[in-house]
Each structure stands twice: as structure tokens, then as C-alpha cells.
């Protein structure tokens, strides 16, 4: 039996499905932001509108690539493909670029408070979990 043919445990499938659902939610949020702009999260304040208007042109492209790679990476995990490793890594890199710029180049924390960083930290944590899971699965021979 080759290393790549090892059957993963049930928890691997459960976590992979959860990551796929998370990624679908991220894609939905991305589409909503493209459609609705600052109003995507509900009624927007003047500060929300000003922040959204100040986003650089590349910001939405990074967002789309980030959630797209997250979705493809989760799908690759379910399909037991080694492509999950670079895809989940690209998604994590996109999260770091996107939120790194947002918190470093804007005054969002001063306007909205420190709790504004909580959900982005959860997003980064899930992206990191995806990378670690893909690497763990490769090391265990669950993906090839």
C-alpha cells in the first residue's frame, strides 16, 4: 500500500467539509462586498463609506483571490489532492496582505475600536488551520 492511499480518519472529512462551508461563506461575503460596497455588513456609517471608498484598486482583487483559493483549497482537501497545500497557503497569504494593509494603512481601529480586529483574527486562524491541516494530511499520506 502506497503512502498516498492511506484512508484519512473521519474527523479529517468533517473538518474539510466545515472548511468548505466556511470558504463558501467567505465567497458570499466577497460577492456581497462587490455588490453592496460599504453596505455589505448592514447599514454603513459615513466612516464605513469613507473607508470603503479609500480602498486601493488591488484590495478587492486580493479579497477575491483569497476566498477563491480558500474555496479551491478546501475542495482539494476533500478530494485528497496535494494542491490543497499551495491553495490554502495562497489564501493565508491573501488574508495577511488584506488585513495587514487594512490595519496598518487605515485608522479603522481608532474609529471602530480594538474589537474590530477580532473577526479578522478568526479568519486568519482558520486560514492557518487550513494550511496546517493540508500539510498534516500530506505528511500522513492522506492526500497525494
C-alpha atoms as a PDB file:
ATOM      1  CA  UNK A   1       0.000   0.000   0.000  1.00  0.00           C
ATOM      2  CA  UNK A   2       1.495   3.322  -1.023  1.00  0.00           C
ATOM      3  CA  UNK A   3       1.642   6.250   1.382  1.00  0.00           C
ATOM      4  CA  UNK A   4      -0.782   8.270  -0.767  1.00  0.00           C
ATOM      5  CA  UNK A   5      -3.521   5.678  -0.495  1.00  0.00           C
ATOM      6  CA  UNK A   6      -3.961   5.849   3.272  1.00  0.00           C
ATOM      7  CA  UNK A   7      -7.548   6.481   4.200  1.00  0.00           C
ATOM      8  CA  UNK A   8      -7.963   9.638   6.319  1.00  0.00           C
ATOM      9  CA  UNK A   9      -9.874   9.498   9.600  1.00  0.00           C
ATOM     10  CA  UNK A  10     -13.478  10.675   9.780  1.00  0.00           C
ATOM     11  CA  UNK A  11     -12.505  13.877  11.602  1.00  0.00           C
ATOM     12  CA  UNK A  12     -10.441  14.894   8.550  1.00  0.00           C
ATOM     13  CA  UNK A  13     -13.540  14.751   6.327  1.00  0.00           C
ATOM     14  CA  UNK A  14     -15.650  16.589   8.919  1.00  0.00           C
ATOM     15  CA  UNK A  15     -13.098  19.390   9.260  1.00  0.00           C
ATOM     16  CA  UNK A  16     -12.663  19.547   5.474  1.00  0.00           C
ATOM     17  CA  UNK A  17     -16.426  19.936   4.982  1.00  0.00           C
ATOM     18  CA  UNK A  18     -16.504  22.628   7.676  1.00  0.00           C
ATOM     19  CA  UNK A  19     -13.669  24.444   5.886  1.00  0.00           C
ATOM     20  CA  UNK A  20     -15.561  24.165   2.608  1.00  0.00           C
ATOM     21  CA  UNK A  21     -18.674  25.699   4.202  1.00  0.00           C
ATOM     22  CA  UNK A  22     -16.533  28.446   5.764  1.00  0.00           C
ATOM     23  CA  UNK A  23     -14.999  29.154   2.358  1.00  0.00           C
ATOM     24  CA  UNK A  24     -18.429  29.326   0.726  1.00  0.00           C
ATOM     25  CA  UNK A  25     -19.469  31.874   3.360  1.00  0.00           C
ATOM     26  CA  UNK A  26     -16.322  33.863   2.559  1.00  0.00           C
ATOM     27  CA  UNK A  27     -17.138  33.812  -1.151  1.00  0.00           C
ATOM     28  CA  UNK A  28     -20.658  35.004  -0.395  1.00  0.00           C
ATOM     29  CA  UNK A  29     -19.294  37.850   1.748  1.00  0.00           C
ATOM     30  CA  UNK A  30     -16.896  38.810  -1.036  1.00  0.00           C
ATOM     31  CA  UNK A  31     -19.661  38.919  -3.641  1.00  0.00           C
ATOM     32  CA  UNK A  32     -21.823  40.967  -1.267  1.00  0.00           C
ATOM     33  CA  UNK A  33     -18.990  43.457  -0.769  1.00  0.00           C
ATOM     34  CA  UNK A  34     -18.563  43.773  -4.525  1.00  0.00           C
ATOM     35  CA  UNK A  35     -22.313  44.267  -4.965  1.00  0.00           C
ATOM     36  CA  UNK A  36     -23.102  46.487  -1.995  1.00  0.00           C
ATOM     37  CA  UNK A  37     -19.804  48.117  -1.073  1.00  0.00           C
ATOM     38  CA  UNK A  38     -19.758  49.552   2.442  1.00  0.00           C
ATOM     39  CA  UNK A  39     -23.378  48.454   2.970  1.00  0.00           C
ATOM     40  CA  UNK A  40     -22.444  44.747   2.712  1.00  0.00           C
ATOM     41  CA  UNK A  41     -22.374  44.341   6.501  1.00  0.00           C
ATOM     42  CA  UNK A  42     -25.581  46.255   7.086  1.00  0.00           C
ATOM     43  CA  UNK A  43     -26.302  49.972   7.309  1.00  0.00           C
ATOM     44  CA  UNK A  44     -22.974  51.759   6.870  1.00  0.00           C
ATOM     45  CA  UNK A  45     -21.802  54.842   8.707  1.00  0.00           C
ATOM     46  CA  UNK A  46     -20.080  57.743   6.991  1.00  0.00           C
ATOM     47  CA  UNK A  47     -16.783  56.352   8.308  1.00  0.00           C
ATOM     48  CA  UNK A  48     -17.558  52.945   6.744  1.00  0.00           C
ATOM     49  CA  UNK A  49     -18.307  54.575   3.403  1.00  0.00           C
ATOM     50  CA  UNK A  50     -15.147  56.694   3.546  1.00  0.00           C
ATOM     51  CA  UNK A  51     -13.050  53.643   4.407  1.00  0.00           C
ATOM     52  CA  UNK A  52     -14.521  51.582   1.580  1.00  0.00           C
ATOM     53  CA  UNK A  53     -14.008  54.456  -0.871  1.00  0.00           C
ATOM     54  CA  UNK A  54     -10.351  54.689   0.182  1.00  0.00           C
ATOM     55  CA  UNK A  55      -9.551  51.029  -0.520  1.00  0.00           C
ATOM     56  CA  UNK A  56      -6.888  50.667  -3.218  1.00  0.00           C
ATOM     57  CA  UNK A  57      -7.896  49.097  -6.509  1.00  0.00           C
ATOM     58  CA  UNK A  58      -5.978  45.904  -5.731  1.00  0.00           C
ATOM     59  CA  UNK A  59      -7.764  45.315  -2.415  1.00  0.00           C
ATOM     60  CA  UNK A  60     -10.880  43.693  -3.873  1.00  0.00           C
ATOM     61  CA  UNK A  61      -8.754  41.602  -6.235  1.00  0.00           C
ATOM     62  CA  UNK A  62      -6.771  40.262  -3.270  1.00  0.00           C
ATOM     63  CA  UNK A  63     -10.058  39.560  -1.480  1.00  0.00           C
ATOM     64  CA  UNK A  64     -11.398  37.586  -4.451  1.00  0.00           C
ATOM     65  CA  UNK A  65      -8.183  35.575  -4.885  1.00  0.00           C
ATOM     66  CA  UNK A  66      -8.052  34.913  -1.137  1.00  0.00           C
ATOM     67  CA  UNK A  67     -11.557  33.483  -0.865  1.00  0.00           C
ATOM     68  CA  UNK A  68     -11.231  31.706  -4.212  1.00  0.00           C
ATOM     69  CA  UNK A  69      -8.037  29.956  -3.119  1.00  0.00           C
ATOM     70  CA  UNK A  70      -9.670  29.131   0.219  1.00  0.00           C
ATOM     71  CA  UNK A  71     -12.619  27.523  -1.561  1.00  0.00           C
ATOM     72  CA  UNK A  72     -10.427  25.607  -4.009  1.00  0.00           C
ATOM     73  CA  UNK A  73      -8.083  24.584  -1.182  1.00  0.00           C
ATOM     74  CA  UNK A  74     -10.949  23.202   0.892  1.00  0.00           C
ATOM     75  CA  UNK A  75     -12.267  21.381  -2.172  1.00  0.00           C
ATOM     76  CA  UNK A  76      -8.809  19.976  -2.806  1.00  0.00           C
ATOM     77  CA  UNK A  77      -8.670  18.732   0.794  1.00  0.00           C
ATOM     78  CA  UNK A  78     -11.949  16.903   0.285  1.00  0.00           C
ATOM     79  CA  UNK A  79     -10.664  15.493  -2.994  1.00  0.00           C
ATOM     80  CA  UNK A  80      -7.456  14.460  -1.176  1.00  0.00           C
ATOM     81  CA  UNK A  81      -5.317  16.476  -3.579  1.00  0.00           C
ATOM     82  CA  UNK A  82      -1.866  17.804  -2.779  1.00  0.00           C
ATOM     83  CA  UNK A  83      -2.963  21.045  -4.462  1.00  0.00           C
ATOM     84  CA  UNK A  84      -4.613  21.882  -1.159  1.00  0.00           C
ATOM     85  CA  UNK A  85      -1.209  22.897   0.222  1.00  0.00           C
ATOM     86  CA  UNK A  86      -0.385  25.743  -2.188  1.00  0.00           C
ATOM     87  CA  UNK A  87      -4.023  26.831  -2.429  1.00  0.00           C
ATOM     88  CA  UNK A  88      -4.518  27.126   1.310  1.00  0.00           C
ATOM     89  CA  UNK A  89      -1.139  28.860   1.621  1.00  0.00           C
ATOM     90  CA  UNK A  90      -2.143  31.424  -1.023  1.00  0.00           C
ATOM     91  CA  UNK A  91      -5.380  32.012   0.854  1.00  0.00           C
ATOM     92  CA  UNK A  92      -3.497  32.593   4.115  1.00  0.00           C
ATOM     93  CA  UNK A  93      -1.083  34.932   2.337  1.00  0.00           C
ATOM     94  CA  UNK A  94      -4.042  36.866   0.938  1.00  0.00           C
ATOM     95  CA  UNK A  95      -5.571  37.197   4.416  1.00  0.00           C
ATOM     96  CA  UNK A  96      -2.285  38.557   5.755  1.00  0.00           C
ATOM     97  CA  UNK A  97      -1.971  41.054   2.886  1.00  0.00           C
ATOM     98  CA  UNK A  98      -5.606  42.127   3.039  1.00  0.00           C
ATOM     99  CA  UNK A  99      -5.928  42.633   6.781  1.00  0.00           C
ATOM    100  CA  UNK A 100      -2.304  43.665   7.238  1.00  0.00           C
ATOM    101  CA  UNK A 101      -2.873  46.570   4.887  1.00  0.00           C
ATOM    102  CA  UNK A 102      -6.263  47.391   6.397  1.00  0.00           C
ATOM    103  CA  UNK A 103      -4.925  47.680   9.936  1.00  0.00           C
ATOM    104  CA  UNK A 104      -1.571  49.258   9.021  1.00  0.00           C
ATOM    105  CA  UNK A 105      -2.741  51.803   6.443  1.00  0.00           C
ATOM    106  CA  UNK A 106      -6.097  52.936   7.827  1.00  0.00           C
ATOM    107  CA  UNK A 107      -7.422  54.275  11.104  1.00  0.00           C
ATOM    108  CA  UNK A 108     -10.077  51.580  11.413  1.00  0.00           C
ATOM    109  CA  UNK A 109      -9.068  50.623  14.963  1.00  0.00           C
ATOM    110  CA  UNK A 110      -9.183  54.253  16.107  1.00  0.00           C
ATOM    111  CA  UNK A 111     -12.647  54.666  14.601  1.00  0.00           C
ATOM    112  CA  UNK A 112     -14.241  51.326  15.447  1.00  0.00           C
ATOM    113  CA  UNK A 113     -12.173  50.129  18.399  1.00  0.00           C
ATOM    114  CA  UNK A 114      -9.854  47.215  19.048  1.00  0.00           C
ATOM    115  CA  UNK A 115     -12.637  44.645  18.823  1.00  0.00           C
ATOM    116  CA  UNK A 116     -12.637  45.316  15.083  1.00  0.00           C
ATOM    117  CA  UNK A 117      -9.602  43.032  14.875  1.00  0.00           C
ATOM    118  CA  UNK A 118     -11.341  40.022  16.441  1.00  0.00           C
ATOM    119  CA  UNK A 119     -13.101  38.627  13.364  1.00  0.00           C
ATOM    120  CA  UNK A 120     -10.058  39.152  11.096  1.00  0.00           C
ATOM    121  CA  UNK A 121      -8.035  37.205  13.676  1.00  0.00           C
ATOM    122  CA  UNK A 122     -10.583  34.375  13.472  1.00  0.00           C
ATOM    123  CA  UNK A 123     -10.334  34.460   9.669  1.00  0.00           C
ATOM    124  CA  UNK A 124      -6.531  34.328   9.849  1.00  0.00           C
ATOM    125  CA  UNK A 125      -6.730  31.483  12.361  1.00  0.00           C
ATOM    126  CA  UNK A 126      -8.987  29.428  10.107  1.00  0.00           C
ATOM    127  CA  UNK A 127      -6.704  30.109   7.127  1.00  0.00           C
ATOM    128  CA  UNK A 128      -3.697  28.966   9.169  1.00  0.00           C
ATOM    129  CA  UNK A 129      -5.614  25.875  10.314  1.00  0.00           C
ATOM    130  CA  UNK A 130      -6.303  25.047   6.650  1.00  0.00           C
ATOM    131  CA  UNK A 131      -2.617  25.225   5.776  1.00  0.00           C
ATOM    132  CA  UNK A 132      -1.620  23.147   8.779  1.00  0.00           C
ATOM    133  CA  UNK A 133      -4.298  20.553   8.031  1.00  0.00           C
ATOM    134  CA  UNK A 134      -3.181  20.257   4.406  1.00  0.00           C
ATOM    135  CA  UNK A 135       0.446  19.814   5.458  1.00  0.00           C
ATOM    136  CA  UNK A 136      -0.536  17.295   8.150  1.00  0.00           C
ATOM    137  CA  UNK A 137      -2.614  15.344   5.641  1.00  0.00           C
ATOM    138  CA  UNK A 138       0.311  15.253   3.221  1.00  0.00           C
ATOM    139  CA  UNK A 139       2.675  14.059   5.946  1.00  0.00           C
ATOM    140  CA  UNK A 140       0.211  11.293   6.911  1.00  0.00           C
ATOM    141  CA  UNK A 141      -0.281  10.225   3.290  1.00  0.00           C
ATOM    142  CA  UNK A 142      -3.956  11.179   3.226  1.00  0.00           C
ATOM    143  CA  UNK A 143      -3.517  13.423   0.201  1.00  0.00           C
ATOM    144  CA  UNK A 144      -1.411  12.926  -2.910  1.00  0.00           C
END
